[in-house]
Amino acid sequence: MGYLVCYNCNIYYEVTEEQAKELKKCGKCGSPMTYFEDLEDCYHGNSRKRGNGKTEQRKEHYSNIIGLGILIALIGLSLQFSVFLPGTMVITLGVVVVILGCIGWGLS
């Protein structure tokens, strides 16, 4: 008997090794779960299988992209009051960057 731990939801499931092979993602949040032979090992980071651990890094990366898009849109908004056409194009670029960042954030 082992344990599957979801660090995102802060929960664990007691499972057999066969069940652990079938269950790869948390039923609540969809995050990858980590298998431990002993539940105490999850507090020390001694997992037998490790997830890729990059989900949070990707979300932070896409959050930065969204912030950049908002900044570009704000710059375009300020330009629009002085020069109409370039300001509109910069706003459009900022909105596109925000949308791409949101899509990437949702997929990670």
Protein backbone atom coordinates (compact mmCIF):
# COMPACT_ATOMS: atom_id res chain seq x y z
CA MET A 1 0.00 0.00 0.00
CA GLY A 2 1.22 3.48 -0.85
CA TYR A 3 -0.07 7.04 -1.05
CA LEU A 4 -0.79 9.48 -3.85
CA VAL A 5 -0.35 13.06 -2.69
CA CYS A 6 -1.74 16.19 -4.35
CA TYR A 7 0.24 19.16 -3.08
CA ASN A 8 -2.11 21.56 -4.84
CA CYS A 9 -5.19 20.41 -2.86
CA ASN A 10 -3.18 19.28 0.18
CA ILE A 11 -4.83 15.84 0.18
CA TYR A 12 -3.70 12.23 -0.16
CA TYR A 13 -5.20 8.91 -1.19
CA GLU A 14 -4.19 5.48 0.08
CA VAL A 15 -3.69 3.31 -3.02
CA THR A 16 -2.14 0.09 -4.23
CA GLU A 17 0.71 0.25 -6.74
CA GLU A 18 -1.68 -0.80 -9.51
CA GLN A 19 -4.07 2.04 -8.63
CA ALA A 20 -1.17 4.48 -8.50
CA LYS A 21 -0.24 3.58 -12.07
CA GLU A 22 -3.80 4.27 -13.26
CA LEU A 23 -4.39 7.47 -11.29
CA LYS A 24 -2.00 10.11 -12.54
CA LYS A 25 -3.99 13.29 -11.86
CA CYS A 26 -5.92 14.59 -8.88
CA GLY A 27 -9.68 14.17 -9.16
CA LYS A 28 -10.34 17.60 -7.63
CA CYS A 29 -7.91 19.91 -9.43
CA GLY A 30 -6.33 17.82 -12.21
CA SER A 31 -2.77 18.39 -10.97
CA PRO A 32 -0.28 15.53 -11.20
CA MET A 33 -0.05 13.51 -7.99
CA THR A 34 3.13 12.10 -6.45
CA TYR A 35 3.42 8.52 -5.19
CA PHE A 36 5.00 7.70 -1.81
CA GLU A 37 5.57 4.33 -0.16
CA ASP A 38 5.35 5.98 3.27
CA LEU A 39 3.15 9.01 3.92
CA GLU A 40 5.81 10.69 6.07
CA ASP A 41 8.11 10.83 3.04
CA CYS A 42 5.86 13.43 1.40
CA TYR A 43 6.97 15.92 4.05
CA HIS A 44 10.63 15.27 3.32
CA GLY A 45 10.42 15.21 -0.48
CA ASN A 46 11.57 11.58 -0.83
CA SER A 47 9.18 10.50 -3.56
CA ARG A 48 9.67 7.40 -5.63
CA LYS A 49 8.04 9.10 -8.58
CA ARG A 50 8.25 12.80 -9.10
CA GLY A 51 5.93 14.93 -11.19
CA ASN A 52 7.51 17.39 -13.58
CA GLY A 53 7.02 20.23 -11.06
CA LYS A 54 6.88 22.80 -13.84
CA THR A 55 3.20 23.68 -13.66
CA GLU A 56 3.69 26.50 -11.17
CA GLN A 57 6.68 27.84 -13.11
CA ARG A 58 4.61 27.88 -16.31
CA LYS A 59 1.73 29.68 -14.61
CA GLU A 60 4.13 32.27 -13.23
CA HIS A 61 5.66 32.69 -16.70
CA TYR A 62 2.25 33.21 -18.30
CA SER A 63 1.25 35.58 -15.51
CA ASN A 64 4.30 37.67 -16.43
CA ILE A 65 3.22 37.60 -20.09
CA ILE A 66 -0.27 38.78 -19.11
CA GLY A 67 1.30 41.62 -17.10
CA LEU A 68 3.45 42.58 -20.08
CA GLY A 69 0.37 42.64 -22.31
CA ILE A 70 -1.47 44.91 -19.89
CA LEU A 71 1.56 47.23 -19.77
CA ILE A 72 1.71 47.35 -23.59
CA ALA A 73 -2.03 48.11 -23.75
CA LEU A 74 -1.64 50.95 -21.23
CA ILE A 75 1.24 52.42 -23.23
CA GLY A 76 -0.96 52.21 -26.33
CA LEU A 77 -3.77 53.94 -24.48
CA SER A 78 -1.50 56.84 -23.58
CA LEU A 79 -0.25 57.02 -27.20
CA GLN A 80 -3.78 57.07 -28.52
CA PHE A 81 -4.36 60.51 -27.04
CA SER A 82 -1.36 61.93 -28.90
CA VAL A 83 -1.17 59.87 -32.13
CA PHE A 84 -4.35 57.92 -32.92
CA LEU A 85 -3.31 55.14 -35.33
CA PRO A 86 -0.06 53.97 -33.63
CA GLY A 87 -1.82 54.08 -30.26
CA THR A 88 -4.60 51.84 -31.55
CA MET A 89 -2.10 49.35 -32.95
CA VAL A 90 -0.17 49.21 -29.67
CA ILE A 91 -3.41 48.65 -27.73
CA THR A 92 -4.29 45.81 -30.12
CA LEU A 93 -0.84 44.28 -29.64
CA GLY A 94 -1.24 44.49 -25.85
CA VAL A 95 -4.65 42.82 -25.98
CA VAL A 96 -3.28 40.02 -28.19
CA VAL A 97 -0.40 39.43 -25.73
CA VAL A 98 -2.87 39.31 -22.82
CA ILE A 99 -5.08 36.80 -24.67
CA LEU A 100 -2.10 34.60 -25.54
CA GLY A 101 -0.92 34.73 -21.94
CA CYS A 102 -4.38 33.76 -20.68
CA ILE A 103 -4.57 30.84 -23.11
CA GLY A 104 -1.12 29.61 -22.08
CA TRP A 105 -1.91 30.02 -18.40
CA GLY A 106 -5.09 28.00 -18.79
CA LEU A 107 -3.30 25.20 -20.67
CA SER A 108 -0.51 24.83 -18.12
